[in-house]
Protein backbone atom coordinates (compact mmCIF):
# COMPACT_ATOMS: atom_id res chain seq x y z
CA MET A 1 269.80 157.23 107.94
CA GLY A 2 268.53 157.48 104.41
CA PHE A 3 268.31 160.52 102.16
CA THR A 4 265.50 163.01 102.67
CA GLN A 5 264.32 165.18 99.80
CA THR A 6 261.93 168.12 99.49
CA ALA A 7 258.87 167.93 97.20
CA SER A 8 260.49 170.18 94.54
CA ALA A 9 258.79 170.82 91.23
CA GLY A 10 261.03 170.68 88.22
CA ALA A 11 264.73 170.43 88.98
CA SER A 12 266.14 167.61 91.11
CA PRO A 13 266.22 168.62 94.75
CA CYS A 14 269.36 168.66 96.88
CA ALA A 15 269.56 165.26 98.54
CA ARG A 16 270.30 165.29 102.23
CA ARG A 17 270.97 162.74 104.91
CA GLU A 18 271.66 163.06 108.63
CA GLY A 19 273.98 161.36 111.07
CA PRO A 20 277.63 160.19 110.90
CA ALA A 21 277.28 159.34 107.20
CA ALA A 22 276.44 162.89 106.23
CA SER A 23 278.67 164.51 103.60
CA ARG A 24 280.52 167.74 104.04
CA PHE A 25 277.77 169.44 102.06
CA GLU A 26 275.10 168.08 104.36
CA ARG A 27 277.06 168.98 107.48
CA ASN A 28 277.71 172.52 106.26
CA ARG A 29 274.32 173.09 104.58
CA GLU A 30 273.19 175.60 107.29
CA LYS A 31 276.14 177.78 106.44
CA ALA A 32 274.58 178.39 103.00
CA LEU A 33 271.41 179.54 104.82
CA ALA A 34 273.35 182.03 106.91
CA LEU A 35 275.21 183.27 103.83
CA PHE A 36 272.05 183.79 101.81
CA ALA A 37 270.19 185.50 104.67
CA CYS A 38 273.03 187.76 105.69
CA LYS A 39 274.50 188.76 102.39
CA GLY A 40 271.54 188.46 100.04
CA PHE A 41 270.91 185.64 97.64
CA GLY A 42 271.69 187.73 94.52
CA GLN A 43 275.06 188.78 95.94
CA VAL A 44 276.29 185.21 96.46
CA SER A 45 278.12 183.64 93.52
CA LEU A 46 278.29 179.96 92.98
CA ARG A 47 282.04 180.00 93.60
CA GLU A 48 281.57 181.81 96.87
CA LEU A 49 278.81 179.50 97.93
CA ALA A 50 280.97 176.43 97.22
CA ALA A 51 283.89 177.94 99.12
CA HIS A 52 281.67 178.74 102.08
CA LEU A 53 280.58 175.10 102.15
CA GLU A 54 284.26 173.95 101.85
CA LEU A 55 283.62 172.47 98.44
CA THR A 56 284.64 173.07 94.83
CA ALA A 57 282.01 174.21 92.39
CA GLY A 58 282.00 170.83 90.82
CA SER A 59 281.46 169.12 94.15
CA LEU A 60 278.65 171.40 94.89
CA TYR A 61 276.86 170.44 91.61
CA HIS A 62 277.22 166.82 92.73
CA HIS A 63 275.10 167.57 95.79
CA CYS A 64 272.76 170.19 94.46
CA SER A 65 271.52 171.14 90.99
CA SER A 66 271.78 174.93 91.54
CA LYS A 67 271.99 177.58 94.17
CA GLU A 68 268.40 178.44 93.26
CA GLU A 69 267.36 174.98 94.22
CA LEU A 70 269.02 175.31 97.54
CA LEU A 71 267.29 178.64 98.13
CA PHE A 72 263.98 176.99 97.34
CA GLU A 73 264.61 174.20 99.81
CA PHE A 74 265.26 176.62 102.60
CA ILE A 75 262.07 178.66 101.88
CA GLU A 76 260.02 175.46 101.41
CA GLU A 77 261.24 174.21 104.82
CA TYR A 78 260.01 177.42 106.37
CA TYR A 79 256.55 176.98 104.98
CA GLU A 80 256.46 173.35 105.79
CA GLY A 81 257.36 174.33 109.34
CA LEU A 82 254.41 176.69 109.42
CA LEU A 83 252.09 173.93 108.26
CA ALA A 84 253.50 171.39 110.65
CA VAL A 85 253.20 173.50 113.79
CA SER A 86 249.62 174.45 112.75
CA SER A 87 248.68 170.84 112.33
CA ARG A 88 249.72 170.05 115.96
CA VAL A 89 247.01 172.31 117.42
CA THR A 90 244.32 170.08 119.08
CA PRO A 91 241.18 170.35 116.92
CA GLY A 92 238.73 169.62 119.65
CA LYS A 93 239.57 172.65 121.78
CA PRO A 94 237.52 175.89 121.68
CA CYS A 95 238.66 178.36 119.05
CA ALA A 96 240.23 180.68 121.67
CA GLU A 97 242.33 177.88 123.05
CA GLN A 98 243.35 176.76 119.55
CA LEU A 99 244.44 180.29 118.72
CA ARG A 100 246.50 180.56 121.89
CA ASP A 101 248.21 177.26 121.21
CA LEU A 102 248.81 178.26 117.57
CA ALA A 103 250.30 181.63 118.56
CA ALA A 104 252.69 179.89 120.98
CA ALA A 105 253.77 177.44 118.33
CA LEU A 106 254.35 180.05 115.69
CA ILE A 107 256.37 182.21 118.06
CA GLU A 108 258.58 179.21 118.93
CA LEU A 109 259.05 178.31 115.26
CA HIS A 110 260.19 181.78 114.33
CA ARG A 111 262.47 181.86 117.36
CA GLN A 112 264.13 178.64 116.13
CA GLN A 113 264.17 179.46 112.43
CA PRO A 114 264.83 183.20 112.00
CA LEU A 115 267.02 182.83 108.93
CA ARG A 116 264.53 180.73 106.94
CA PHE A 117 261.91 183.40 107.71
CA ARG A 118 264.26 186.12 106.47
CA LEU A 119 264.82 184.22 103.13
CA ALA A 120 261.06 183.66 102.76
CA ALA A 121 260.37 187.38 103.30
CA LYS A 122 263.17 188.83 101.22
CA GLU A 123 264.33 186.37 98.56
CA ARG A 124 261.21 184.58 97.36
CA HIS A 125 261.19 186.60 94.23
CA CYS A 126 264.42 184.85 93.23
CA LEU A 127 262.65 181.46 92.89
CA THR A 128 261.68 179.94 89.59
CA PRO A 129 257.94 180.14 88.58
CA ALA A 130 257.62 176.36 89.39
CA HIS A 131 259.07 176.89 92.88
CA GLN A 132 256.98 179.92 93.48
CA GLN A 133 253.90 177.86 92.64
CA ARG A 134 254.95 175.26 95.21
CA ILE A 135 255.32 177.97 97.83
CA ALA A 136 251.91 179.37 96.90
CA GLU A 137 250.39 175.97 97.40
CA LEU A 138 251.95 175.66 100.84
CA GLU A 139 250.69 179.16 101.75
CA LEU A 140 247.14 178.13 100.81
CA LEU A 141 247.32 174.97 102.91
CA CYS A 142 248.45 177.06 105.87
CA GLN A 143 245.72 179.62 105.36
CA GLU A 144 243.03 176.88 105.09
CA ARG A 145 244.22 175.33 108.32
CA TRP A 146 244.30 178.60 110.18
CA LEU A 147 240.90 179.58 108.94
CA ARG A 148 239.48 176.32 110.17
CA GLN A 149 241.10 176.78 113.62
CA VAL A 150 240.02 180.40 114.23
CA GLY A 151 236.98 180.77 111.98
CA LYS A 152 234.59 178.09 113.13
CA GLY A 153 230.95 179.08 112.68
CA LEU A 154 231.66 181.41 109.75
CA HIS A 155 230.51 181.06 106.16
CA LEU A 156 232.54 183.33 103.93
CA SER A 157 232.29 184.26 100.30
CA PRO A 158 235.25 183.21 98.12
CA SER A 159 236.58 186.78 98.11
CA SER A 160 236.17 187.24 101.88
CA ARG A 161 237.75 183.82 102.46
CA LYS A 162 240.83 184.74 100.38
CA ALA A 163 241.13 188.14 102.11
CA ALA A 164 240.85 186.47 105.52
CA GLY A 165 243.48 183.93 104.70
CA ASP A 166 245.85 186.57 103.32
CA ALA A 167 245.38 188.64 106.52
CA LEU A 168 246.23 185.73 108.75
CA LEU A 169 249.28 184.99 106.68
CA ASN A 170 250.45 188.53 106.96
CA ILE A 171 249.90 188.57 110.69
CA PHE A 172 251.66 185.33 111.29
CA GLN A 173 254.59 186.03 109.00
CA GLN A 174 255.33 189.41 110.66
CA ILE A 175 255.82 187.74 114.13
CA PRO A 176 259.66 187.88 113.94
CA ASN A 177 259.62 191.60 113.09
CA TRP A 178 257.49 192.59 116.07
CA LEU A 179 259.46 193.86 119.06
CA GLU A 180 262.71 192.68 117.41
CA HIS A 181 264.74 195.57 118.80
CA ALA A 182 262.78 196.16 121.98
CA GLY A 183 265.47 194.66 124.22
CA LEU A 184 263.04 192.34 125.97
CA ALA A 185 263.99 189.09 127.59
CA GLU A 186 262.81 186.09 125.48
CA ALA A 187 260.00 185.08 127.83
CA GLU A 188 258.74 188.65 128.10
CA ARG A 189 258.87 189.16 124.32
CA SER A 190 257.01 185.92 123.75
CA ALA A 191 254.24 187.12 126.09
CA PHE A 192 253.97 190.43 124.35
CA LEU A 193 253.89 188.68 120.90
CA GLU A 194 251.19 186.33 122.09
CA SER A 195 249.07 189.26 123.20
CA LEU A 196 249.55 191.07 119.91
CA ILE A 197 248.68 187.97 117.89
CA LEU A 198 245.54 187.13 119.95
CA GLY A 199 244.39 190.76 119.66
CA ALA A 200 244.93 191.01 115.91
CA VAL A 201 243.29 187.78 115.11
CA SER A 202 240.35 188.25 117.46
CA GLN A 203 239.67 191.64 115.82
CA LEU A 204 239.81 189.94 112.40
CA VAL A 205 237.35 187.18 113.49
CA SER A 206 235.01 189.82 114.98
CA PHE A 207 235.05 191.67 111.76
CA LEU A 208 234.40 188.54 109.71
CA LYS A 209 231.36 187.72 111.91
CA THR A 210 229.77 191.00 111.02
CA ALA A 211 230.84 191.04 107.41
CA SER A 212 229.92 187.36 106.73
CA PRO A 213 227.07 187.13 104.14
CA VAL A 214 225.50 184.31 106.04
CA SER A 215 225.54 184.09 109.85
CA THR A 216 226.11 180.59 110.98
CA GLN A 217 226.56 181.13 114.66
CA GLY A 218 224.36 178.80 116.70
CA ASN A 219 223.34 176.71 113.74
CA ALA A 220 224.78 173.18 114.14
CA HIS A 221 223.92 172.33 110.49
CA ALA A 222 225.41 175.50 108.95
CA PRO A 223 228.43 175.16 106.66
CA VAL A 224 231.84 175.87 108.10
CA LEU A 225 235.17 176.60 106.57
CA ARG A 226 236.48 173.60 104.74
CA SER A 227 239.40 171.69 106.13
CA ALA A 228 242.95 171.98 104.95
CA SER A 229 244.04 169.21 102.70
C-alpha cells in the first residue's frame, strides 16, 4: 500500500504506510502514542522516543521531522475521527435519532482510541501555532456538523452559535472521563454514557429553543444552521 500523510501545516508530516512493507517506525508508531500518553509529552526526550521505537535518533528523523510533528499527527487523528464518525450519522433521520446514533458512535470511538483522546486533552498546548490552528479548524468542522444534526429548526446569533458549538464539544470530549472508575461492564457503561449524553444535549437544545432570537420551529422556509464544510 502507498504512503498516507496527514494534512499538516508547516513541517513535513511523518509518512506512514501499512501492510508487510511497513518500516519498523510504522510498525512501532503506536508505541510512541502510548509513551506520550502515559509519561507526558514534555517528559519524553528524542533519544528516549527513538529507543522506544527501536530506532536511532538519526533513523527517527528519517521517518519524522520532529517529535512535535508526531504528537500533532496523533491529536489530528483524534479530531479527524470525531469528524468521521459524525459524518456517518444518517441526515434524513429525526434529530432525536441522529443524536442517539451520534452518541453511540462517539462512545465507540473513545473506547477504541483512549490514548489519542488523552493526548488531545492534555498535550495540545505543546503543539506549534500552525498545528493548533489546524486542530481549531477541525474542531469548528465538528461543531458545525453537530449543530446541524441536533439543532434543526433553530436560528442562532453568532455568539449563541459559538457558545452552543463549544458546549457540544465539551460534552462530547468528556465522554471518556465519565464513569471511568465506576467498575461497570462495557455494555452497561455505554448505556449509562448514552443516557448522560442524550440528557445533556437535549437540555442544551431546549435552552437554545427558548434563547434563540428568532423562533423557526414550524416554519419550513426559516433559516437553519448551516452545514459543515
